Every structure is written in C-alpha cells, then in structure tokens.
Amino acid sequence: MNQKALIIVVIILVVVFVCGVGVGTFGQCNPDDPGCKFDTSPPSWLSSLGGVFGGLQSLSDQDIQNPGCFVSTPTQRLVTLNQFTSCTLGIVASSSPVRSASLTLIQGLQAGITLNPLGESSLPVDTTLEPSDGNSNNGNEANVSLTIQKEGATLTLTCAAGTGSPSQCRIQFD
C-alpha cells in the first residue's frame, strides 16, 4: 500500500471515529422528555458475559466445615457465639472459581470477621460487623460480602460485644 492510500485510510478512520463520538454525545434525547425512548439498561451482550464466565456461586452448607458453631435450618443459616468467644469455620476447596457469602450481624453489638484464603492469589479480609447506625463512614458494616476463591479459606468469627442473656452474637449467612 502506498503512502497516499495509507493517509486516506487513516483520515477516513478519524472522521468515522469523530462522527461516532459526536452522535453518541449529542444524539441522545432528554430523559425527562416523555417522548424520549432513553434506554438505561445494559446491553444484552454485557449481561450474557455473566453466563459465559460464570457468576458468583453462593457458599453452600456443604462448603462449610465445623458444624459445632454453624447451624443451618430451612429458613436461615446462623453462627451463634457467646461474648468474647470465637469460632473458626473451614471453607473447603471447590471446582467453582469464585464463591460468595454475605454475613449480617442480627444480634450483638460487635463481631469480628477474619477471612484467610488458602490460595496464593487472594488477600485476607479483616473487618468488624456492627448494627447499622446509618453512618457508613465509621469503617464498620452491618453486613459484609465475602469472596472466596476455589482453593478455600478459613473464616474466623469473634463476638466482641454481645446482647441478651446470655450475652451473644448471632451472625446470619445469606
């Protein structure tokens, strides 16, 4: 390809790019206009990527070792701890590349959560659960979502400040 043809191709590509950006920027209608057909949903090809690469699989009861402090019923999955005690749960390895668990403090004033992944590619998580006070800037959470890699992990739950009689913390797995 000679130099003149290359320059013409580059100029055409730049013009097409600039026109495409212009149409994308200025071609949208006002979303407040009732006649506007403004679509804010993600494109279908983006949603289908979750199926191709696999979404997060929730942690199952079979993934959790140490039935002494973990109790699963048809309606809820709980860890109940007396104040100033802790429980370590083993999370077994899985063929699923990534699993998730959401923990919520449903009784107690403060519980510690420590997740130590067994794989080399993950970092440990150390956080505190407290009842929600509407202030998300205090560094503590009413619930926390954990991501567990396929190699498994150890999860240590500690009741720092319980409530009730006896003084306990109850942490729910979702």
N, C-alpha and C. Protein backbone atom coordinates (compact mmCIF):
# COMPACT_ATOMS: atom_id res chain seq x y z
N MET A 1 0.86 -1.17 0.00
CA MET A 1 0.00 0.00 0.00
C MET A 1 0.90 1.23 0.00
N ASN A 2 0.62 2.15 -0.91
CA ASN A 2 1.48 3.33 -0.97
C ASN A 2 1.08 4.32 0.12
N GLN A 3 1.88 5.34 0.26
CA GLN A 3 1.74 6.30 1.36
C GLN A 3 0.44 7.13 1.24
N LYS A 4 0.05 7.51 0.01
CA LYS A 4 -1.17 8.30 -0.18
C LYS A 4 -2.40 7.51 0.25
N ALA A 5 -2.46 6.24 -0.10
CA ALA A 5 -3.61 5.41 0.25
C ALA A 5 -3.68 5.22 1.77
N LEU A 6 -2.55 5.07 2.41
CA LEU A 6 -2.50 4.91 3.87
C LEU A 6 -3.01 6.16 4.56
N ILE A 7 -2.62 7.32 4.10
CA ILE A 7 -3.06 8.58 4.70
C ILE A 7 -4.58 8.73 4.52
N ILE A 8 -5.10 8.39 3.35
CA ILE A 8 -6.54 8.49 3.10
C ILE A 8 -7.31 7.55 4.03
N VAL A 9 -6.83 6.34 4.23
CA VAL A 9 -7.48 5.37 5.12
C VAL A 9 -7.49 5.90 6.55
N VAL A 10 -6.36 6.45 7.00
CA VAL A 10 -6.28 7.00 8.36
C VAL A 10 -7.25 8.17 8.52
N ILE A 11 -7.32 9.05 7.54
CA ILE A 11 -8.24 10.20 7.60
C ILE A 11 -9.69 9.71 7.66
N ILE A 12 -10.03 8.72 6.86
CA ILE A 12 -11.40 8.18 6.87
C ILE A 12 -11.72 7.59 8.25
N LEU A 13 -10.79 6.85 8.83
CA LEU A 13 -11.00 6.27 10.16
C LEU A 13 -11.19 7.36 11.22
N VAL A 14 -10.40 8.42 11.16
CA VAL A 14 -10.53 9.52 12.12
C VAL A 14 -11.90 10.19 11.97
N VAL A 15 -12.33 10.43 10.73
CA VAL A 15 -13.64 11.06 10.50
C VAL A 15 -14.76 10.17 11.03
N VAL A 16 -14.70 8.88 10.77
CA VAL A 16 -15.73 7.95 11.26
C VAL A 16 -15.73 7.95 12.79
N PHE A 17 -14.57 7.94 13.42
CA PHE A 17 -14.47 7.95 14.88
C PHE A 17 -15.08 9.24 15.45
N VAL A 18 -14.71 10.38 14.89
CA VAL A 18 -15.21 11.67 15.39
C VAL A 18 -16.73 11.74 15.21
N CYS A 19 -17.24 11.29 14.08
CA CYS A 19 -18.69 11.29 13.86
C CYS A 19 -19.39 10.36 14.84
N GLY A 20 -18.82 9.22 15.10
CA GLY A 20 -19.42 8.28 16.06
C GLY A 20 -19.46 8.84 17.46
N VAL A 21 -18.39 9.50 17.89
CA VAL A 21 -18.38 10.13 19.21
C VAL A 21 -19.40 11.26 19.26
N GLY A 22 -19.48 12.03 18.19
CA GLY A 22 -20.45 13.13 18.15
C GLY A 22 -21.88 12.64 18.23
N VAL A 23 -22.21 11.60 17.50
CA VAL A 23 -23.57 11.06 17.53
C VAL A 23 -23.85 10.49 18.92
N GLY A 24 -22.88 9.81 19.52
CA GLY A 24 -23.07 9.26 20.85
C GLY A 24 -23.23 10.32 21.91
N THR A 25 -22.56 11.43 21.74
CA THR A 25 -22.62 12.50 22.73
C THR A 25 -23.84 13.39 22.55
N PHE A 26 -24.11 13.77 21.33
CA PHE A 26 -25.18 14.74 21.08
C PHE A 26 -26.45 14.12 20.53
N GLY A 27 -26.44 12.86 20.19
CA GLY A 27 -27.59 12.25 19.55
C GLY A 27 -28.63 11.72 20.53
N GLN A 28 -28.39 11.82 21.84
CA GLN A 28 -29.35 11.31 22.81
C GLN A 28 -30.41 12.35 23.10
N CYS A 29 -31.61 11.86 23.41
CA CYS A 29 -32.68 12.77 23.76
C CYS A 29 -32.66 13.02 25.26
N ASN A 30 -33.44 13.99 25.68
CA ASN A 30 -33.54 14.34 27.09
C ASN A 30 -34.35 13.27 27.81
N PRO A 31 -33.81 12.62 28.85
CA PRO A 31 -34.55 11.55 29.53
C PRO A 31 -35.82 12.05 30.22
N ASP A 32 -35.92 13.37 30.50
CA ASP A 32 -37.12 13.92 31.12
C ASP A 32 -38.26 14.11 30.12
N ASP A 33 -37.94 14.06 28.84
CA ASP A 33 -38.94 14.22 27.79
C ASP A 33 -39.76 12.93 27.69
N PRO A 34 -41.12 13.01 27.83
CA PRO A 34 -41.93 11.79 27.78
C PRO A 34 -41.85 11.07 26.44
N GLY A 35 -41.50 11.76 25.39
CA GLY A 35 -41.39 11.13 24.07
C GLY A 35 -40.04 10.47 23.85
N CYS A 36 -39.16 10.63 24.78
CA CYS A 36 -37.80 10.09 24.65
C CYS A 36 -37.80 8.59 24.94
N LYS A 37 -37.17 7.85 24.15
CA LYS A 37 -37.02 6.41 24.36
C LYS A 37 -35.60 6.14 24.84
N PHE A 38 -35.29 6.68 26.00
CA PHE A 38 -33.94 6.61 26.57
C PHE A 38 -33.78 5.29 27.31
N ASP A 39 -32.91 4.43 26.85
CA ASP A 39 -32.73 3.11 27.45
C ASP A 39 -31.49 3.12 28.31
N THR A 40 -31.68 2.92 29.64
CA THR A 40 -30.53 2.92 30.55
C THR A 40 -30.11 1.51 30.93
N SER A 41 -30.78 0.49 30.41
CA SER A 41 -30.40 -0.88 30.74
C SER A 41 -29.10 -1.25 30.02
N PRO A 42 -28.32 -2.15 30.65
CA PRO A 42 -27.07 -2.55 29.98
C PRO A 42 -27.38 -3.35 28.73
N PRO A 43 -26.49 -3.31 27.75
CA PRO A 43 -26.73 -4.06 26.52
C PRO A 43 -26.78 -5.56 26.80
N SER A 44 -27.49 -6.29 25.98
CA SER A 44 -27.69 -7.72 26.20
C SER A 44 -26.38 -8.49 26.14
N TRP A 45 -25.44 -8.06 25.30
CA TRP A 45 -24.18 -8.78 25.20
C TRP A 45 -23.41 -8.67 26.51
N LEU A 46 -23.58 -7.57 27.26
CA LEU A 46 -22.89 -7.42 28.53
C LEU A 46 -23.49 -8.34 29.58
N SER A 47 -24.80 -8.47 29.58
CA SER A 47 -25.47 -9.37 30.52
C SER A 47 -25.11 -10.82 30.25
N SER A 48 -24.93 -11.17 28.99
CA SER A 48 -24.63 -12.56 28.65
C SER A 48 -23.21 -12.96 29.07
N LEU A 49 -22.34 -12.01 29.34
CA LEU A 49 -20.99 -12.36 29.77
C LEU A 49 -21.00 -13.09 31.11
N GLY A 50 -21.97 -12.78 31.98
CA GLY A 50 -22.06 -13.48 33.26
C GLY A 50 -22.25 -14.97 33.06
N GLY A 51 -23.05 -15.36 32.07
CA GLY A 51 -23.26 -16.77 31.79
C GLY A 51 -22.04 -17.43 31.18
N VAL A 52 -21.30 -16.68 30.36
CA VAL A 52 -20.12 -17.23 29.72
C VAL A 52 -19.01 -17.46 30.72
N PHE A 53 -18.75 -16.47 31.57
CA PHE A 53 -17.64 -16.56 32.51
C PHE A 53 -18.07 -17.10 33.87
N GLY A 54 -19.36 -17.27 34.08
CA GLY A 54 -19.85 -17.81 35.34
C GLY A 54 -20.00 -16.71 36.37
N GLY A 55 -21.15 -16.67 36.98
CA GLY A 55 -21.40 -15.69 38.04
C GLY A 55 -20.89 -16.21 39.37
N LEU A 56 -21.08 -15.41 40.41
CA LEU A 56 -20.69 -15.83 41.74
C LEU A 56 -21.66 -16.88 42.25
N GLN A 57 -21.12 -17.98 42.71
CA GLN A 57 -21.94 -19.03 43.30
C GLN A 57 -21.96 -18.80 44.80
N SER A 58 -23.14 -18.91 45.40
CA SER A 58 -23.25 -18.73 46.85
C SER A 58 -22.61 -19.91 47.56
N LEU A 59 -22.08 -19.64 48.73
CA LEU A 59 -21.48 -20.66 49.57
C LEU A 59 -22.58 -21.61 50.05
N SER A 60 -22.40 -22.89 49.85
CA SER A 60 -23.41 -23.86 50.28
C SER A 60 -23.06 -24.41 51.66
N ASP A 61 -24.02 -25.08 52.28
CA ASP A 61 -23.78 -25.69 53.59
C ASP A 61 -22.66 -26.73 53.53
N GLN A 62 -22.56 -27.44 52.40
CA GLN A 62 -21.53 -28.46 52.25
C GLN A 62 -20.13 -27.87 52.15
N ASP A 63 -20.04 -26.59 51.81
CA ASP A 63 -18.74 -25.91 51.71
C ASP A 63 -18.18 -25.55 53.08
N ILE A 64 -19.01 -25.57 54.12
CA ILE A 64 -18.61 -25.07 55.44
C ILE A 64 -18.35 -26.25 56.36
N GLN A 65 -17.15 -26.25 56.96
CA GLN A 65 -16.77 -27.28 57.94
C GLN A 65 -16.79 -26.67 59.33
N ASN A 66 -17.21 -27.40 60.31
CA ASN A 66 -17.32 -27.08 61.73
C ASN A 66 -18.78 -26.88 62.09
N PRO A 67 -19.52 -27.99 62.12
CA PRO A 67 -20.93 -27.88 62.45
C PRO A 67 -21.17 -27.51 63.91
N GLY A 68 -20.13 -27.40 64.72
CA GLY A 68 -20.31 -27.05 66.12
C GLY A 68 -20.89 -25.67 66.34
N CYS A 69 -20.47 -24.69 65.57
CA CYS A 69 -20.97 -23.33 65.75
C CYS A 69 -21.84 -22.87 64.60
N PHE A 70 -21.87 -23.61 63.51
CA PHE A 70 -22.67 -23.25 62.34
C PHE A 70 -23.92 -24.12 62.31
N VAL A 71 -25.08 -23.48 62.30
CA VAL A 71 -26.35 -24.21 62.29
C VAL A 71 -27.14 -23.76 61.06
N SER A 72 -27.57 -24.74 60.29
CA SER A 72 -28.35 -24.45 59.09
C SER A 72 -29.74 -25.07 59.23
N THR A 73 -30.76 -24.24 59.04
CA THR A 73 -32.15 -24.71 59.04
C THR A 73 -32.75 -24.34 57.69
N PRO A 74 -33.94 -24.83 57.39
CA PRO A 74 -34.54 -24.45 56.10
C PRO A 74 -34.77 -22.94 55.96
N THR A 75 -34.89 -22.21 57.07
CA THR A 75 -35.19 -20.78 56.97
C THR A 75 -33.97 -19.88 57.12
N GLN A 76 -32.91 -20.35 57.78
CA GLN A 76 -31.73 -19.49 57.95
C GLN A 76 -30.49 -20.31 58.29
N ARG A 77 -29.35 -19.67 58.07
CA ARG A 77 -28.05 -20.26 58.40
C ARG A 77 -27.36 -19.31 59.37
N LEU A 78 -27.01 -19.79 60.56
CA LEU A 78 -26.52 -18.93 61.63
C LEU A 78 -25.26 -19.46 62.30
N VAL A 79 -24.48 -18.53 62.81
CA VAL A 79 -23.42 -18.83 63.77
C VAL A 79 -23.79 -18.07 65.03
N THR A 80 -23.91 -18.79 66.15
CA THR A 80 -24.22 -18.17 67.43
C THR A 80 -23.01 -18.31 68.34
N LEU A 81 -22.53 -17.18 68.87
CA LEU A 81 -21.33 -17.16 69.71
C LEU A 81 -21.62 -16.44 71.01
N ASN A 82 -21.10 -16.97 72.11
CA ASN A 82 -21.15 -16.24 73.37
C ASN A 82 -20.14 -15.10 73.31
N GLN A 83 -20.38 -14.07 74.11
CA GLN A 83 -19.48 -12.91 74.11
C GLN A 83 -18.05 -13.34 74.43
N PHE A 84 -17.09 -12.75 73.74
CA PHE A 84 -15.65 -12.96 73.86
C PHE A 84 -15.21 -14.36 73.42
N THR A 85 -16.02 -15.04 72.64
CA THR A 85 -15.61 -16.32 72.08
C THR A 85 -15.51 -16.20 70.57
N SER A 86 -14.83 -17.16 69.98
CA SER A 86 -14.70 -17.17 68.52
C SER A 86 -14.92 -18.58 68.00
N CYS A 87 -15.12 -18.64 66.71
CA CYS A 87 -15.34 -19.91 66.02
C CYS A 87 -14.65 -19.82 64.67
N THR A 88 -13.92 -20.88 64.32
CA THR A 88 -13.27 -20.91 63.02
C THR A 88 -13.95 -21.94 62.14
N LEU A 89 -14.39 -21.48 60.99
CA LEU A 89 -15.04 -22.34 60.01
C LEU A 89 -14.07 -22.61 58.87
N GLY A 90 -14.01 -23.84 58.44
CA GLY A 90 -13.23 -24.17 57.25
C GLY A 90 -14.14 -24.10 56.03
N ILE A 91 -13.66 -23.49 54.99
CA ILE A 91 -14.39 -23.44 53.73
C ILE A 91 -13.60 -24.30 52.74
N VAL A 92 -14.19 -25.39 52.31
CA VAL A 92 -13.49 -26.39 51.51
C VAL A 92 -13.24 -25.88 50.09
N ALA A 93 -12.26 -26.51 49.45
CA ALA A 93 -11.96 -26.19 48.05
C ALA A 93 -13.14 -26.61 47.18
N SER A 94 -13.25 -25.96 46.03
CA SER A 94 -14.39 -26.19 45.15
C SER A 94 -13.95 -26.12 43.70
N SER A 95 -14.75 -26.70 42.83
CA SER A 95 -14.46 -26.56 41.40
C SER A 95 -14.93 -25.21 40.87
N SER A 96 -15.81 -24.55 41.63
CA SER A 96 -16.27 -23.21 41.24
C SER A 96 -15.13 -22.22 41.47
N PRO A 97 -14.80 -21.38 40.48
CA PRO A 97 -13.64 -20.48 40.64
C PRO A 97 -13.82 -19.44 41.74
N VAL A 98 -15.05 -18.96 41.93
CA VAL A 98 -15.30 -17.94 42.94
C VAL A 98 -16.66 -18.20 43.58
N ARG A 99 -16.70 -18.11 44.90
CA ARG A 99 -17.96 -18.24 45.63
C ARG A 99 -18.13 -17.01 46.50
N SER A 100 -19.36 -16.76 46.93
CA SER A 100 -19.61 -15.58 47.75
C SER A 100 -20.42 -15.96 48.98
N ALA A 101 -20.25 -15.15 50.01
CA ALA A 101 -21.03 -15.30 51.23
C ALA A 101 -21.30 -13.90 51.77
N SER A 102 -22.53 -13.67 52.19
CA SER A 102 -22.90 -12.40 52.80
C SER A 102 -23.20 -12.67 54.27
N LEU A 103 -22.55 -11.93 55.17
CA LEU A 103 -22.73 -12.11 56.60
C LEU A 103 -23.40 -10.87 57.18
N THR A 104 -24.39 -11.09 58.06
CA THR A 104 -25.13 -9.99 58.68
C THR A 104 -25.19 -10.22 60.17
N LEU A 105 -24.87 -9.20 60.95
CA LEU A 105 -24.98 -9.27 62.41
C LEU A 105 -26.44 -9.02 62.76
N ILE A 106 -27.13 -10.05 63.28
CA ILE A 106 -28.54 -9.89 63.62
C ILE A 106 -28.78 -9.81 65.12
N GLN A 107 -27.77 -10.17 65.92
CA GLN A 107 -27.83 -9.96 67.37
C GLN A 107 -26.43 -9.67 67.85
N GLY A 108 -26.30 -8.70 68.73
CA GLY A 108 -25.00 -8.32 69.26
C GLY A 108 -24.65 -6.90 68.86
N LEU A 109 -23.58 -6.41 69.47
CA LEU A 109 -23.14 -5.04 69.20
C LEU A 109 -21.90 -4.98 68.32
N GLN A 110 -21.09 -6.05 68.35
CA GLN A 110 -19.88 -6.03 67.54
C GLN A 110 -19.35 -7.44 67.35
N ALA A 111 -19.03 -7.78 66.11
CA ALA A 111 -18.46 -9.08 65.78
C ALA A 111 -17.31 -8.89 64.80
N GLY A 112 -16.24 -9.63 65.02
CA GLY A 112 -15.09 -9.56 64.12
C GLY A 112 -15.16 -10.66 63.08
N ILE A 113 -14.76 -10.34 61.86
CA ILE A 113 -14.74 -11.28 60.75
C ILE A 113 -13.33 -11.30 60.18
N THR A 114 -12.72 -12.49 60.13
CA THR A 114 -11.39 -12.64 59.53
C THR A 114 -11.45 -13.78 58.53
N LEU A 115 -11.17 -13.48 57.27
CA LEU A 115 -11.15 -14.49 56.21
C LEU A 115 -9.71 -14.64 55.74
N ASN A 116 -9.16 -15.84 55.89
CA ASN A 116 -7.80 -16.14 55.44
C ASN A 116 -7.88 -17.13 54.29
N PRO A 117 -7.72 -16.65 53.05
CA PRO A 117 -7.78 -17.54 51.89
C PRO A 117 -6.62 -18.54 51.89
N LEU A 118 -6.87 -19.73 51.36
CA LEU A 118 -5.84 -20.76 51.27
C LEU A 118 -5.03 -20.62 49.99
N GLY A 119 -5.56 -19.97 48.99
CA GLY A 119 -4.83 -19.79 47.74
C GLY A 119 -3.85 -18.63 47.84
N GLU A 120 -2.88 -18.62 46.95
CA GLU A 120 -1.86 -17.56 46.96
C GLU A 120 -2.33 -16.28 46.29
N SER A 121 -3.39 -16.36 45.50
CA SER A 121 -3.81 -15.19 44.72
C SER A 121 -4.79 -14.29 45.47
N SER A 122 -5.13 -14.61 46.70
CA SER A 122 -6.13 -13.83 47.43
C SER A 122 -5.52 -13.16 48.65
N LEU A 123 -6.12 -12.04 49.03
CA LEU A 123 -5.68 -11.32 50.22
C LEU A 123 -6.64 -11.58 51.36
N PRO A 124 -6.15 -11.59 52.60
CA PRO A 124 -7.04 -11.79 53.74
C PRO A 124 -7.97 -10.59 53.95
N VAL A 125 -9.10 -10.85 54.59
CA VAL A 125 -10.07 -9.81 54.92
C VAL A 125 -10.22 -9.79 56.43
N ASP A 126 -10.15 -8.61 57.03
CA ASP A 126 -10.33 -8.44 58.46
C ASP A 126 -11.23 -7.24 58.67
N THR A 127 -12.46 -7.47 59.14
CA THR A 127 -13.42 -6.39 59.28
C THR A 127 -14.27 -6.61 60.52
N THR A 128 -15.07 -5.61 60.84
CA THR A 128 -15.94 -5.64 62.01
C THR A 128 -17.38 -5.42 61.58
N LEU A 129 -18.26 -6.24 62.13
CA LEU A 129 -19.69 -6.06 61.91
C LEU A 129 -20.28 -5.37 63.13
N GLU A 130 -21.09 -4.35 62.89
CA GLU A 130 -21.82 -3.65 63.95
C GLU A 130 -23.21 -3.38 63.44
N PRO A 131 -24.18 -3.20 64.35
CA PRO A 131 -25.52 -2.84 63.89
C PRO A 131 -25.46 -1.55 63.08
N SER A 132 -26.29 -1.45 62.08
CA SER A 132 -26.29 -0.27 61.23
C SER A 132 -26.77 0.95 62.01
N ASP A 133 -25.97 2.02 61.96
CA ASP A 133 -26.35 3.27 62.62
C ASP A 133 -26.60 4.38 61.60
N GLY A 134 -26.63 3.99 60.31
CA GLY A 134 -26.87 4.98 59.26
C GLY A 134 -25.61 5.72 58.86
N ASN A 135 -24.50 5.49 59.54
CA ASN A 135 -23.24 6.17 59.23
C ASN A 135 -22.31 5.17 58.58
N SER A 136 -22.20 5.23 57.26
CA SER A 136 -21.36 4.28 56.56
C SER A 136 -19.90 4.69 56.56
N ASN A 137 -19.57 5.80 57.19
CA ASN A 137 -18.19 6.27 57.19
C ASN A 137 -17.42 5.84 58.43
N ASN A 138 -18.03 5.05 59.32
CA ASN A 138 -17.34 4.67 60.54
C ASN A 138 -16.41 3.49 60.36
N GLY A 139 -16.33 2.91 59.17
CA GLY A 139 -15.42 1.81 58.90
C GLY A 139 -15.99 0.46 59.27
N ASN A 140 -17.14 0.41 59.91
CA ASN A 140 -17.77 -0.83 60.30
C ASN A 140 -19.04 -1.02 59.50
N GLU A 141 -19.43 -2.26 59.32
CA GLU A 141 -20.56 -2.57 58.46
C GLU A 141 -21.61 -3.37 59.21
N ALA A 142 -22.86 -3.23 58.82
CA ALA A 142 -23.93 -4.07 59.36
C ALA A 142 -23.91 -5.43 58.67
N ASN A 143 -23.46 -5.47 57.42
CA ASN A 143 -23.27 -6.74 56.73
C ASN A 143 -22.06 -6.63 55.83
N VAL A 144 -21.50 -7.76 55.49
CA VAL A 144 -20.31 -7.77 54.64
C VAL A 144 -20.44 -8.92 53.65
N SER A 145 -20.00 -8.67 52.43
CA SER A 145 -19.97 -9.70 51.39
C SER A 145 -18.53 -10.16 51.22
N LEU A 146 -18.35 -11.47 51.27
CA LEU A 146 -17.01 -12.05 51.14
C LEU A 146 -16.93 -12.83 49.84
N THR A 147 -15.76 -12.80 49.22
CA THR A 147 -15.49 -13.57 48.01
C THR A 147 -14.45 -14.62 48.35
N ILE A 148 -14.78 -15.88 48.07
CA ILE A 148 -13.89 -16.99 48.41
C ILE A 148 -13.45 -17.65 47.11
N GLN A 149 -12.15 -17.77 46.92
CA GLN A 149 -11.61 -18.40 45.73
C GLN A 149 -11.76 -19.92 45.83
N LYS A 150 -11.51 -20.61 44.72
CA LYS A 150 -11.75 -22.05 44.66
C LYS A 150 -10.87 -22.86 45.60
N GLU A 151 -9.73 -22.32 46.03
CA GLU A 151 -8.83 -23.06 46.92
C GLU A 151 -9.40 -23.21 48.33
N GLY A 152 -10.40 -22.39 48.70
CA GLY A 152 -10.99 -22.45 50.03
C GLY A 152 -10.39 -21.39 50.95
N ALA A 153 -10.78 -21.44 52.22
CA ALA A 153 -10.34 -20.42 53.18
C ALA A 153 -10.68 -20.88 54.59
N THR A 154 -10.18 -20.13 55.56
CA THR A 154 -10.65 -20.26 56.93
C THR A 154 -11.33 -18.95 57.30
N LEU A 155 -12.47 -19.06 57.96
CA LEU A 155 -13.26 -17.90 58.35
C LEU A 155 -13.40 -17.92 59.86
N THR A 156 -12.87 -16.89 60.51
CA THR A 156 -12.95 -16.80 61.96
C THR A 156 -13.92 -15.70 62.33
N LEU A 157 -14.91 -16.06 63.15
CA LEU A 157 -15.92 -15.13 63.63
C LEU A 157 -15.73 -14.96 65.13
N THR A 158 -15.72 -13.72 65.61
CA THR A 158 -15.49 -13.43 67.03
C THR A 158 -16.59 -12.50 67.53
N CYS A 159 -17.18 -12.84 68.68
CA CYS A 159 -18.19 -11.99 69.31
C CYS A 159 -17.48 -11.06 70.28
N ALA A 160 -17.34 -9.80 69.90
CA ALA A 160 -16.65 -8.82 70.76
C ALA A 160 -17.59 -8.19 71.76
N ALA A 161 -18.85 -8.02 71.42
CA ALA A 161 -19.83 -7.42 72.32
C ALA A 161 -21.20 -7.97 71.99
N GLY A 162 -21.71 -8.83 72.87
CA GLY A 162 -22.99 -9.46 72.64
C GLY A 162 -24.13 -8.73 73.32
N THR A 163 -25.33 -9.21 73.07
CA THR A 163 -26.52 -8.68 73.74
C THR A 163 -27.38 -9.84 74.19
N GLY A 164 -28.31 -9.57 75.08
CA GLY A 164 -29.23 -10.58 75.55
C GLY A 164 -28.69 -11.30 76.76
N SER A 165 -29.40 -12.36 77.17
CA SER A 165 -28.99 -13.16 78.30
C SER A 165 -29.09 -14.62 77.89
N PRO A 166 -28.00 -15.36 77.72
CA PRO A 166 -26.62 -14.90 77.89
C PRO A 166 -26.21 -13.96 76.76
N SER A 167 -25.18 -13.20 77.01
CA SER A 167 -24.70 -12.21 76.05
C SER A 167 -24.11 -12.93 74.83
N GLN A 168 -24.75 -12.73 73.67
CA GLN A 168 -24.37 -13.46 72.47
C GLN A 168 -24.34 -12.57 71.24
N CYS A 169 -23.68 -13.09 70.22
CA CYS A 169 -23.74 -12.53 68.87
C CYS A 169 -24.32 -13.61 67.96
N ARG A 170 -25.17 -13.21 67.05
CA ARG A 170 -25.71 -14.11 66.05
C ARG A 170 -25.41 -13.51 64.69
N ILE A 171 -24.74 -14.30 63.86
CA ILE A 171 -24.34 -13.85 62.53
C ILE A 171 -25.03 -14.75 61.51
N GLN A 172 -25.75 -14.11 60.61
CA GLN A 172 -26.52 -14.84 59.60
C GLN A 172 -25.76 -14.89 58.29
N PHE A 173 -25.74 -16.06 57.66
CA PHE A 173 -25.17 -16.25 56.33
C PHE A 173 -26.29 -16.14 55.32
N ASP A 174 -26.11 -15.33 54.28
CA ASP A 174 -27.08 -15.23 53.19
C ASP A 174 -26.46 -15.77 51.92
